[in-house]
Amino acid sequence: MKILIVGGHSALAQMLSPVLASLGEVLTAGRSGCDVTLELSTSSDRFCLPQDIDVVVNTAAHFGGADFNALLEAEHINALGGLKLCHAASESGIRHFVNISSINAYLESDSAYYSAYSLSKRHADELIQLYCARAGLPCAILRPSQLYGEPDSFRRNQPFLYGTLDKALRNEDIVIYGNRDAQRNYLHAQDLCRIISCVISSRVEGLYACTTSQDSSLLAVSNTIVKTAGSASKVVFNRAMNDIADNVFPYDDTLYRSIGTYPEIDLNDGIGRLVASRLMTS
C-alpha cells in the first residue's frame, strides 16, 4: 500500500507518518520540505499526485481569522483545496480518500466558537462528500475533538492546555475567567493516528465524530496539570471576567464500534505525557 499524507508539515501529519508506515510506504505532500510539493490554493490543473498512490489522507488546514483575507484563505485551503484534492485523487485512480476535519464543523452560528475555520471545515466536508459520491471515490471524513500531544506544535490550537502547563512549571497561579467551569473534550493525537490507521485498513467510508467519552472541565484539567507537574500553582477564578463557553458535543462511538477500537489515552495519562515531555526537554 502507498499512502500520501497532505499537509505534511502539520503536527498531526508528523505523528501520523510513522504510524501509517506499518501499512506501507508513506509520502508527504505540502508547500515545501515534503516528498511532494503541493499547494492547495493553486489552480486544479496544477495538481499532480505521485503515481500508484492507494490512499490520500488530508490533514491540511487553515485556521482562519477575523479579517477578509483570513476568511478567504480558510475557504481556499479547507473547502476548495479539499475539493481540488479529491478531484486529483479521482483522476489518479486513488482508491480511498480520508479527510481529517474538525468537531467544530458541527457548530452553528450561535456558538461562541463559530468561525471561518468551523464554517470552512463544514463546507469542505460537504463538498468532499458530494464530489466523492458522484465520482465513486470511497471517502471517510473524521471530525476529531480538540487534539493535543507531546510535540509543542499542537500548542497553537490548544493555548489553554499548553499555557496552563507553562504556568504550572513556573509555579504561577492559573486563572480561569468567569464564574463557570467550562467543559472541553480532548483527544490525544496518538489515539487519532491509530484510529486513522484502522480506518484505512478497514476501508471505512462515511462521516464520523472522533471524541472521547469523557468531557473535562477547565478546573479539572488545571488541577490535573498542577498535580502531575508537582507544582505549587493555585487555580483561581477571575469572576470579574466574562464566562467561558462550553465546547462539547454528544458522544457518538459509531466509528469506534465499526473499526473495533476506541481511544486509549485518557486525559490524566495524556497530561502525564505532556509533563514528562516538557521536563525532558527543559
C-alpha atoms as a PDB file:
ATOM      1  CA  MET A   1       0.000   0.000   0.000  1.00  0.00           C
ATOM      2  CA  LYS A   2       1.161   3.515  -0.823  1.00  0.00           C
ATOM      3  CA  ILE A   3      -0.217   6.400   1.262  1.00  0.00           C
ATOM      4  CA  LEU A   4       0.057  10.137   0.625  1.00  0.00           C
ATOM      5  CA  ILE A   5      -0.384  12.480   3.604  1.00  0.00           C
ATOM      6  CA  VAL A   6      -1.304  16.003   2.501  1.00  0.00           C
ATOM      7  CA  GLY A   7      -0.398  18.786   4.916  1.00  0.00           C
ATOM      8  CA  GLY A   8       2.858  17.017   5.617  1.00  0.00           C
ATOM      9  CA  HIS A   9       4.166  19.692   7.998  1.00  0.00           C
ATOM     10  CA  SER A  10       1.100  19.648  10.261  1.00  0.00           C
ATOM     11  CA  ALA A  11       1.553  18.452  13.833  1.00  0.00           C
ATOM     12  CA  LEU A  12      -0.823  15.572  13.132  1.00  0.00           C
ATOM     13  CA  ALA A  13       0.988  14.527   9.939  1.00  0.00           C
ATOM     14  CA  GLN A  14       4.320  14.385  11.768  1.00  0.00           C
ATOM     15  CA  MET A  15       2.833  11.989  14.311  1.00  0.00           C
ATOM     16  CA  LEU A  16       0.799  10.072  11.729  1.00  0.00           C
ATOM     17  CA  SER A  17       3.591   9.211   9.284  1.00  0.00           C
ATOM     18  CA  PRO A  18       5.379   6.596  11.450  1.00  0.00           C
ATOM     19  CA  VAL A  19       2.050   5.031  12.460  1.00  0.00           C
ATOM     20  CA  LEU A  20       0.952   4.559   8.842  1.00  0.00           C
ATOM     21  CA  ALA A  21       4.388   3.217   7.896  1.00  0.00           C
ATOM     22  CA  SER A  22       3.236  -0.120   9.306  1.00  0.00           C
ATOM     23  CA  LEU A  23       0.690  -0.280   6.460  1.00  0.00           C
ATOM     24  CA  GLY A  24       3.077   0.504   3.625  1.00  0.00           C
ATOM     25  CA  GLU A  25       5.060   3.298   2.004  1.00  0.00           C
ATOM     26  CA  VAL A  26       4.192   6.794   3.239  1.00  0.00           C
ATOM     27  CA  LEU A  27       4.825  10.007   1.287  1.00  0.00           C
ATOM     28  CA  THR A  28       4.083  13.550   2.414  1.00  0.00           C
ATOM     29  CA  ALA A  29       2.844  16.496   0.371  1.00  0.00           C
ATOM     30  CA  GLY A  30       2.883  20.181   1.234  1.00  0.00           C
ATOM     31  CA  ARG A  31       4.104  23.631   0.303  1.00  0.00           C
ATOM     32  CA  SER A  32       7.755  22.826   0.986  1.00  0.00           C
ATOM     33  CA  GLY A  33      10.026  20.314   2.651  1.00  0.00           C
ATOM     34  CA  CYS A  34       7.846  17.315   1.779  1.00  0.00           C
ATOM     35  CA  ASP A  35       8.264  14.425  -0.646  1.00  0.00           C
ATOM     36  CA  VAL A  36       5.790  16.113  -2.997  1.00  0.00           C
ATOM     37  CA  THR A  37       5.276  19.855  -3.491  1.00  0.00           C
ATOM     38  CA  LEU A  38       1.555  20.609  -3.370  1.00  0.00           C
ATOM     39  CA  GLU A  39      -0.184  23.937  -2.756  1.00  0.00           C
ATOM     40  CA  LEU A  40      -3.907  23.557  -2.091  1.00  0.00           C
ATOM     41  CA  SER A  41      -4.682  27.138  -3.082  1.00  0.00           C
ATOM     42  CA  THR A  42      -3.247  26.719  -6.573  1.00  0.00           C
ATOM     43  CA  SER A  43      -5.431  26.028  -9.613  1.00  0.00           C
ATOM     44  CA  SER A  44      -6.686  22.463 -10.030  1.00  0.00           C
ATOM     45  CA  ASP A  45      -4.857  21.960 -13.329  1.00  0.00           C
ATOM     46  CA  ARG A  46      -1.551  22.271 -11.463  1.00  0.00           C
ATOM     47  CA  PHE A  47      -2.340  19.449  -9.063  1.00  0.00           C
ATOM     48  CA  CYS A  48      -0.120  16.456  -9.728  1.00  0.00           C
ATOM     49  CA  LEU A  49      -0.149  13.444  -7.422  1.00  0.00           C
ATOM     50  CA  PRO A  50       2.501  10.712  -7.475  1.00  0.00           C
ATOM     51  CA  GLN A  51       1.760   7.523  -9.358  1.00  0.00           C
ATOM     52  CA  ASP A  52       0.438   4.360  -7.708  1.00  0.00           C
ATOM     53  CA  ILE A  53      -0.950   6.069  -4.599  1.00  0.00           C
ATOM     54  CA  ASP A  54      -3.652   3.942  -2.958  1.00  0.00           C
ATOM     55  CA  VAL A  55      -4.829   6.274  -0.180  1.00  0.00           C
ATOM     56  CA  VAL A  56      -4.783  10.045   0.345  1.00  0.00           C
ATOM     57  CA  VAL A  57      -5.066  11.409   3.892  1.00  0.00           C
ATOM     58  CA  ASN A  58      -5.750  15.137   4.000  1.00  0.00           C
ATOM     59  CA  THR A  59      -4.509  16.754   7.238  1.00  0.00           C
ATOM     60  CA  ALA A  60      -4.038  20.246   5.772  1.00  0.00           C
ATOM     61  CA  ALA A  61      -5.949  23.096   7.413  1.00  0.00           C
ATOM     62  CA  HIS A  62      -6.161  26.850   7.561  1.00  0.00           C
ATOM     63  CA  PHE A  63      -7.393  28.128  10.921  1.00  0.00           C
ATOM     64  CA  GLY A  64      -8.979  31.306   9.624  1.00  0.00           C
ATOM     65  CA  GLY A  65      -9.188  34.652  11.355  1.00  0.00           C
ATOM     66  CA  ALA A  66     -11.356  37.744  11.570  1.00  0.00           C
ATOM     67  CA  ASP A  67     -10.305  39.766   8.528  1.00  0.00           C
ATOM     68  CA  PHE A  68     -11.306  39.320   4.905  1.00  0.00           C
ATOM     69  CA  ASN A  69      -8.053  37.731   3.749  1.00  0.00           C
ATOM     70  CA  ALA A  70      -8.166  35.145   6.541  1.00  0.00           C
ATOM     71  CA  LEU A  71     -11.764  34.259   5.697  1.00  0.00           C
ATOM     72  CA  LEU A  72     -10.873  33.918   2.037  1.00  0.00           C
ATOM     73  CA  GLU A  73      -7.792  31.806   2.721  1.00  0.00           C
ATOM     74  CA  ALA A  74      -9.703  29.441   5.011  1.00  0.00           C
ATOM     75  CA  GLU A  75     -12.189  28.738   2.219  1.00  0.00           C
ATOM     76  CA  HIS A  76      -9.401  28.427  -0.376  1.00  0.00           C
ATOM     77  CA  ILE A  77      -7.424  25.878   1.674  1.00  0.00           C
ATOM     78  CA  ASN A  78     -10.064  23.969   3.606  1.00  0.00           C
ATOM     79  CA  ALA A  79     -13.052  23.857   1.261  1.00  0.00           C
ATOM     80  CA  LEU A  80     -11.823  24.458  -2.285  1.00  0.00           C
ATOM     81  CA  GLY A  81      -8.425  22.896  -1.612  1.00  0.00           C
ATOM     82  CA  GLY A  82     -10.100  19.752  -0.300  1.00  0.00           C
ATOM     83  CA  LEU A  83     -12.365  19.616  -3.341  1.00  0.00           C
ATOM     84  CA  LYS A  84      -9.447  20.008  -5.774  1.00  0.00           C
ATOM     85  CA  LEU A  85      -7.538  17.315  -3.911  1.00  0.00           C
ATOM     86  CA  CYS A  86     -10.498  14.943  -4.255  1.00  0.00           C
ATOM     87  CA  HIS A  87     -10.643  15.599  -7.975  1.00  0.00           C
ATOM     88  CA  ALA A  88      -6.918  14.956  -8.356  1.00  0.00           C
ATOM     89  CA  ALA A  89      -7.282  11.747  -6.353  1.00  0.00           C
ATOM     90  CA  SER A  90     -10.155  10.563  -8.513  1.00  0.00           C
ATOM     91  CA  GLU A  91      -8.308  11.404 -11.731  1.00  0.00           C
ATOM     92  CA  SER A  92      -5.275   9.472 -10.445  1.00  0.00           C
ATOM     93  CA  GLY A  93      -7.286   6.340  -9.688  1.00  0.00           C
ATOM     94  CA  ILE A  94      -6.781   6.546  -5.922  1.00  0.00           C
ATOM     95  CA  ARG A  95      -8.968   4.048  -4.056  1.00  0.00           C
ATOM     96  CA  HIS A  96      -9.611   5.736  -0.711  1.00  0.00           C
ATOM     97  CA  PHE A  97      -9.760   9.368   0.425  1.00  0.00           C
ATOM     98  CA  VAL A  98      -9.568  10.212   4.143  1.00  0.00           C
ATOM     99  CA  ASN A  99     -10.283  13.804   5.164  1.00  0.00           C
ATOM    100  CA  ILE A 100      -9.377  14.982   8.664  1.00  0.00           C
ATOM    101  CA  SER A 101     -11.927  17.617   9.552  1.00  0.00           C
ATOM    102  CA  SER A 102     -12.827  19.032  12.981  1.00  0.00           C
ATOM    103  CA  ILE A 103     -15.567  18.572  15.556  1.00  0.00           C
ATOM    104  CA  ASN A 104     -16.125  22.312  15.166  1.00  0.00           C
ATOM    105  CA  ALA A 105     -17.685  21.601  11.778  1.00  0.00           C
ATOM    106  CA  TYR A 106     -20.837  20.724  13.754  1.00  0.00           C
ATOM    107  CA  LEU A 107     -21.069  24.255  15.214  1.00  0.00           C
ATOM    108  CA  GLU A 108     -23.970  26.531  14.395  1.00  0.00           C
ATOM    109  CA  SER A 109     -23.770  30.302  14.068  1.00  0.00           C
ATOM    110  CA  ASP A 110     -24.981  30.894  17.639  1.00  0.00           C
ATOM    111  CA  SER A 111     -21.905  29.181  19.120  1.00  0.00           C
ATOM    112  CA  ALA A 112     -19.182  31.300  20.719  1.00  0.00           C
ATOM    113  CA  TYR A 113     -16.669  29.217  18.733  1.00  0.00           C
ATOM    114  CA  TYR A 114     -18.315  29.547  15.312  1.00  0.00           C
ATOM    115  CA  SER A 115     -15.658  30.890  12.951  1.00  0.00           C
ATOM    116  CA  ALA A 116     -14.204  30.852   9.459  1.00  0.00           C
ATOM    117  CA  TYR A 117     -12.412  27.670  10.476  1.00  0.00           C
ATOM    118  CA  SER A 118     -15.523  25.799  11.601  1.00  0.00           C
ATOM    119  CA  LEU A 119     -17.580  27.010   8.656  1.00  0.00           C
ATOM    120  CA  SER A 120     -14.934  26.268   6.019  1.00  0.00           C
ATOM    121  CA  LYS A 121     -14.377  22.818   7.529  1.00  0.00           C
ATOM    122  CA  ARG A 122     -18.081  22.058   7.189  1.00  0.00           C
ATOM    123  CA  HIS A 123     -18.063  23.374   3.635  1.00  0.00           C
ATOM    124  CA  ALA A 124     -15.074  21.117   2.919  1.00  0.00           C
ATOM    125  CA  ASP A 125     -16.814  18.047   4.332  1.00  0.00           C
ATOM    126  CA  GLU A 126     -19.956  18.684   2.306  1.00  0.00           C
ATOM    127  CA  LEU A 127     -18.088  19.375  -0.926  1.00  0.00           C
ATOM    128  CA  ILE A 128     -15.903  16.305  -0.474  1.00  0.00           C
ATOM    129  CA  GLN A 129     -18.901  14.074   0.252  1.00  0.00           C
ATOM    130  CA  LEU A 130     -20.746  15.431  -2.792  1.00  0.00           C
ATOM    131  CA  TYR A 131     -17.800  15.039  -5.145  1.00  0.00           C
ATOM    132  CA  CYS A 132     -16.765  11.594  -3.916  1.00  0.00           C
ATOM    133  CA  ALA A 133     -20.311  10.244  -4.174  1.00  0.00           C
ATOM    134  CA  ARG A 134     -20.572  11.402  -7.781  1.00  0.00           C
ATOM    135  CA  ALA A 135     -17.058  10.270  -8.700  1.00  0.00           C
ATOM    136  CA  GLY A 136     -17.370   6.887  -6.984  1.00  0.00           C
ATOM    137  CA  LEU A 137     -14.361   7.612  -4.760  1.00  0.00           C
ATOM    138  CA  PRO A 138     -14.618   5.852  -1.361  1.00  0.00           C
ATOM    139  CA  CYS A 139     -14.298   8.552   1.270  1.00  0.00           C
ATOM    140  CA  ALA A 140     -14.058   8.775   5.057  1.00  0.00           C
ATOM    141  CA  ILE A 141     -14.380  12.083   6.912  1.00  0.00           C
ATOM    142  CA  LEU A 142     -13.262  12.212  10.543  1.00  0.00           C
ATOM    143  CA  ARG A 143     -14.174  15.062  12.889  1.00  0.00           C
ATOM    144  CA  PRO A 144     -11.847  14.862  15.919  1.00  0.00           C
ATOM    145  CA  SER A 145     -12.310  16.914  19.075  1.00  0.00           C
ATOM    146  CA  GLN A 146      -9.540  19.127  20.478  1.00  0.00           C
ATOM    147  CA  LEU A 147      -6.237  17.450  19.595  1.00  0.00           C
ATOM    148  CA  TYR A 148      -3.174  17.569  21.802  1.00  0.00           C
ATOM    149  CA  GLY A 149       0.101  15.687  22.038  1.00  0.00           C
ATOM    150  CA  GLU A 150       3.696  15.875  23.142  1.00  0.00           C
ATOM    151  CA  PRO A 151       5.087  17.864  20.205  1.00  0.00           C
ATOM    152  CA  ASP A 152       4.760  21.550  21.082  1.00  0.00           C
ATOM    153  CA  SER A 153       3.355  22.122  17.603  1.00  0.00           C
ATOM    154  CA  PHE A 154      -0.115  21.290  18.967  1.00  0.00           C
ATOM    155  CA  ARG A 155       0.139  24.391  21.178  1.00  0.00           C
ATOM    156  CA  ARG A 156      -1.249  26.724  18.523  1.00  0.00           C
ATOM    157  CA  ASN A 157      -4.701  25.149  18.710  1.00  0.00           C
ATOM    158  CA  GLN A 158      -4.769  24.428  22.453  1.00  0.00           C
ATOM    159  CA  PRO A 159      -3.496  27.628  24.111  1.00  0.00           C
ATOM    160  CA  PHE A 160      -5.293  26.953  27.403  1.00  0.00           C
ATOM    161  CA  LEU A 161      -3.853  23.469  27.847  1.00  0.00           C
ATOM    162  CA  TYR A 162      -0.264  24.362  26.985  1.00  0.00           C
ATOM    163  CA  GLY A 163      -0.406  27.792  28.623  1.00  0.00           C
ATOM    164  CA  THR A 164      -1.618  26.192  31.851  1.00  0.00           C
ATOM    165  CA  LEU A 165       1.271  23.744  31.725  1.00  0.00           C
ATOM    166  CA  ASP A 166       3.715  26.643  31.223  1.00  0.00           C
ATOM    167  CA  LYS A 167       2.353  28.393  34.310  1.00  0.00           C
ATOM    168  CA  ALA A 168       2.354  25.231  36.408  1.00  0.00           C
ATOM    169  CA  LEU A 169       6.006  24.579  35.618  1.00  0.00           C
ATOM    170  CA  ARG A 170       6.789  28.151  36.696  1.00  0.00           C
ATOM    171  CA  ASN A 171       4.620  27.790  39.847  1.00  0.00           C
ATOM    172  CA  GLU A 172       2.447  30.686  38.711  1.00  0.00           C
ATOM    173  CA  ASP A 173      -1.245  30.985  39.560  1.00  0.00           C
ATOM    174  CA  ILE A 174      -3.629  29.694  36.901  1.00  0.00           C
ATOM    175  CA  VAL A 175      -6.622  31.947  36.281  1.00  0.00           C
ATOM    176  CA  ILE A 176      -9.902  30.750  34.762  1.00  0.00           C
ATOM    177  CA  TYR A 177     -12.106  33.583  33.559  1.00  0.00           C
ATOM    178  CA  GLY A 178     -15.704  33.946  34.724  1.00  0.00           C
ATOM    179  CA  ASN A 179     -17.908  32.143  37.221  1.00  0.00           C
ATOM    180  CA  ARG A 180     -18.492  28.836  35.494  1.00  0.00           C
ATOM    181  CA  ASP A 181     -16.292  25.835  34.839  1.00  0.00           C
ATOM    182  CA  ALA A 182     -16.393  25.374  31.063  1.00  0.00           C
ATOM    183  CA  GLN A 183     -16.268  21.920  29.502  1.00  0.00           C
ATOM    184  CA  ARG A 184     -13.919  20.650  26.801  1.00  0.00           C
ATOM    185  CA  ASN A 185     -13.293  17.348  25.035  1.00  0.00           C
ATOM    186  CA  TYR A 186      -9.650  16.461  24.398  1.00  0.00           C
ATOM    187  CA  LEU A 187      -8.403  13.670  22.135  1.00  0.00           C
ATOM    188  CA  HIS A 188      -4.756  12.622  22.191  1.00  0.00           C
ATOM    189  CA  ALA A 189      -3.259  12.776  18.691  1.00  0.00           C
ATOM    190  CA  GLN A 190      -1.698   9.331  19.100  1.00  0.00           C
ATOM    191  CA  ASP A 191      -5.182   7.866  19.515  1.00  0.00           C
ATOM    192  CA  LEU A 192      -6.368   9.659  16.384  1.00  0.00           C
ATOM    193  CA  CYS A 193      -3.377   8.313  14.435  1.00  0.00           C
ATOM    194  CA  ARG A 194      -4.256   4.779  15.488  1.00  0.00           C
ATOM    195  CA  ILE A 195      -7.897   5.368  14.515  1.00  0.00           C
ATOM    196  CA  ILE A 196      -6.879   6.701  11.091  1.00  0.00           C
ATOM    197  CA  SER A 197      -4.740   3.606  10.563  1.00  0.00           C
ATOM    198  CA  CYS A 198      -7.748   1.381  11.339  1.00  0.00           C
ATOM    199  CA  VAL A 199      -9.980   3.458   9.036  1.00  0.00           C
ATOM    200  CA  ILE A 200      -7.519   2.893   6.192  1.00  0.00           C
ATOM    201  CA  SER A 201      -7.057  -0.818   6.944  1.00  0.00           C
ATOM    202  CA  SER A 202     -10.827  -1.384   7.052  1.00  0.00           C
ATOM    203  CA  ARG A 203     -11.582   0.872   4.050  1.00  0.00           C
ATOM    204  CA  VAL A 204     -14.135   2.776   6.130  1.00  0.00           C
ATOM    205  CA  GLU A 205     -16.482   5.187   4.386  1.00  0.00           C
ATOM    206  CA  GLY A 206     -18.749   7.882   5.831  1.00  0.00           C
ATOM    207  CA  LEU A 207     -18.621  10.864   8.172  1.00  0.00           C
ATOM    208  CA  TYR A 208     -17.824  10.297  11.853  1.00  0.00           C
ATOM    209  CA  ALA A 209     -17.211  12.240  15.049  1.00  0.00           C
ATOM    210  CA  CYS A 210     -13.990  11.310  16.870  1.00  0.00           C
ATOM    211  CA  THR A 211     -14.200  12.315  20.512  1.00  0.00           C
ATOM    212  CA  THR A 212     -13.510  10.757  23.893  1.00  0.00           C
ATOM    213  CA  SER A 213     -16.330   9.517  26.115  1.00  0.00           C
ATOM    214  CA  GLN A 214     -15.419  11.919  28.953  1.00  0.00           C
ATOM    215  CA  ASP A 215     -15.660  15.693  28.763  1.00  0.00           C
ATOM    216  CA  SER A 216     -13.308  17.597  31.071  1.00  0.00           C
ATOM    217  CA  SER A 217     -13.742  20.923  32.835  1.00  0.00           C
ATOM    218  CA  LEU A 218     -11.089  23.634  32.752  1.00  0.00           C
ATOM    219  CA  LEU A 219     -10.758  23.369  36.531  1.00  0.00           C
ATOM    220  CA  ALA A 220     -10.217  19.602  36.397  1.00  0.00           C
ATOM    221  CA  VAL A 221      -7.668  19.982  33.604  1.00  0.00           C
ATOM    222  CA  SER A 222      -5.807  22.685  35.524  1.00  0.00           C
ATOM    223  CA  ASN A 223      -5.773  20.719  38.778  1.00  0.00           C
ATOM    224  CA  THR A 224      -4.521  17.611  36.982  1.00  0.00           C
ATOM    225  CA  ILE A 225      -1.683  19.574  35.381  1.00  0.00           C
ATOM    226  CA  VAL A 226      -0.712  21.140  38.711  1.00  0.00           C
ATOM    227  CA  LYS A 227      -0.756  17.776  40.493  1.00  0.00           C
ATOM    228  CA  THR A 228       1.114  15.928  37.731  1.00  0.00           C
ATOM    229  CA  ALA A 229       3.782  18.639  37.476  1.00  0.00           C
ATOM    230  CA  GLY A 230       4.246  18.744  41.261  1.00  0.00           C
ATOM    231  CA  SER A 231       3.564  22.462  41.029  1.00  0.00           C
ATOM    232  CA  ALA A 232       2.810  24.982  43.775  1.00  0.00           C
ATOM    233  CA  SER A 233       0.428  26.862  41.466  1.00  0.00           C
ATOM    234  CA  LYS A 234      -3.048  27.776  42.661  1.00  0.00           C
ATOM    235  CA  VAL A 235      -6.074  27.580  40.359  1.00  0.00           C
ATOM    236  CA  VAL A 236      -8.453  30.514  40.797  1.00  0.00           C
ATOM    237  CA  PHE A 237     -11.481  32.015  39.040  1.00  0.00           C
ATOM    238  CA  ASN A 238     -11.485  35.663  37.990  1.00  0.00           C
ATOM    239  CA  ARG A 239     -15.184  36.297  38.441  1.00  0.00           C
ATOM    240  CA  ALA A 240     -14.942  39.836  37.084  1.00  0.00           C
ATOM    241  CA  MET A 241     -14.380  38.457  33.594  1.00  0.00           C
ATOM    242  CA  ASN A 242     -16.964  37.067  31.186  1.00  0.00           C
ATOM    243  CA  ASP A 243     -17.794  33.382  31.477  1.00  0.00           C
ATOM    244  CA  ILE A 244     -16.094  30.944  29.093  1.00  0.00           C
ATOM    245  CA  ALA A 245     -18.498  28.889  26.968  1.00  0.00           C
ATOM    246  CA  ASP A 246     -18.535  25.093  26.768  1.00  0.00           C
ATOM    247  CA  ASN A 247     -17.325  23.453  23.565  1.00  0.00           C
ATOM    248  CA  VAL A 248     -18.545  19.854  23.778  1.00  0.00           C
ATOM    249  CA  PHE A 249     -20.720  17.604  21.627  1.00  0.00           C
ATOM    250  CA  PRO A 250     -22.847  14.479  22.116  1.00  0.00           C
ATOM    251  CA  TYR A 251     -20.669  11.372  22.281  1.00  0.00           C
ATOM    252  CA  ASP A 252     -21.020   9.021  19.316  1.00  0.00           C
ATOM    253  CA  ASP A 253     -18.951   5.820  19.155  1.00  0.00           C
ATOM    254  CA  THR A 254     -20.283   4.635  15.781  1.00  0.00           C
ATOM    255  CA  LEU A 255     -16.832   4.729  14.181  1.00  0.00           C
ATOM    256  CA  TYR A 256     -15.127   3.013  17.107  1.00  0.00           C
ATOM    257  CA  ARG A 257     -17.643   0.150  17.057  1.00  0.00           C
ATOM    258  CA  SER A 258     -17.143  -0.172  13.307  1.00  0.00           C
ATOM    259  CA  ILE A 259     -13.343  -0.488  13.469  1.00  0.00           C
ATOM    260  CA  GLY A 260     -13.230  -2.318  16.809  1.00  0.00           C
ATOM    261  CA  THR A 261     -11.018   0.206  18.597  1.00  0.00           C
ATOM    262  CA  TYR A 262     -11.511   3.139  20.977  1.00  0.00           C
ATOM    263  CA  PRO A 263      -9.303   5.968  22.254  1.00  0.00           C
ATOM    264  CA  GLU A 264      -6.997   4.558  24.939  1.00  0.00           C
ATOM    265  CA  ILE A 265      -5.179   7.604  26.331  1.00  0.00           C
ATOM    266  CA  ASP A 266      -7.332   9.318  28.952  1.00  0.00           C
ATOM    267  CA  LEU A 267      -6.631  12.913  29.898  1.00  0.00           C
ATOM    268  CA  ASN A 268      -4.733  12.024  33.068  1.00  0.00           C
ATOM    269  CA  ASP A 269      -2.357   9.837  31.067  1.00  0.00           C
ATOM    270  CA  GLY A 270      -2.124  12.408  28.294  1.00  0.00           C
ATOM    271  CA  ILE A 271      -1.235  15.198  30.691  1.00  0.00           C
ATOM    272  CA  GLY A 272       1.370  12.920  32.266  1.00  0.00           C
ATOM    273  CA  ARG A 273       2.931  12.520  28.831  1.00  0.00           C
ATOM    274  CA  LEU A 274       2.907  16.282  28.261  1.00  0.00           C
ATOM    275  CA  VAL A 275       4.599  16.960  31.589  1.00  0.00           C
ATOM    276  CA  ALA A 276       7.197  14.242  31.089  1.00  0.00           C
ATOM    277  CA  SER A 277       7.998  15.506  27.587  1.00  0.00           C
ATOM    278  CA  ARG A 278       8.373  19.086  28.791  1.00  0.00           C
ATOM    279  CA  LEU A 279      10.599  18.143  31.711  1.00  0.00           C
ATOM    280  CA  MET A 280      12.758  16.049  29.402  1.00  0.00           C
ATOM    281  CA  THR A 281      13.379  18.952  27.045  1.00  0.00           C
ATOM    282  CA  SER A 282      13.718  21.731  29.619  1.00  0.00           C
END
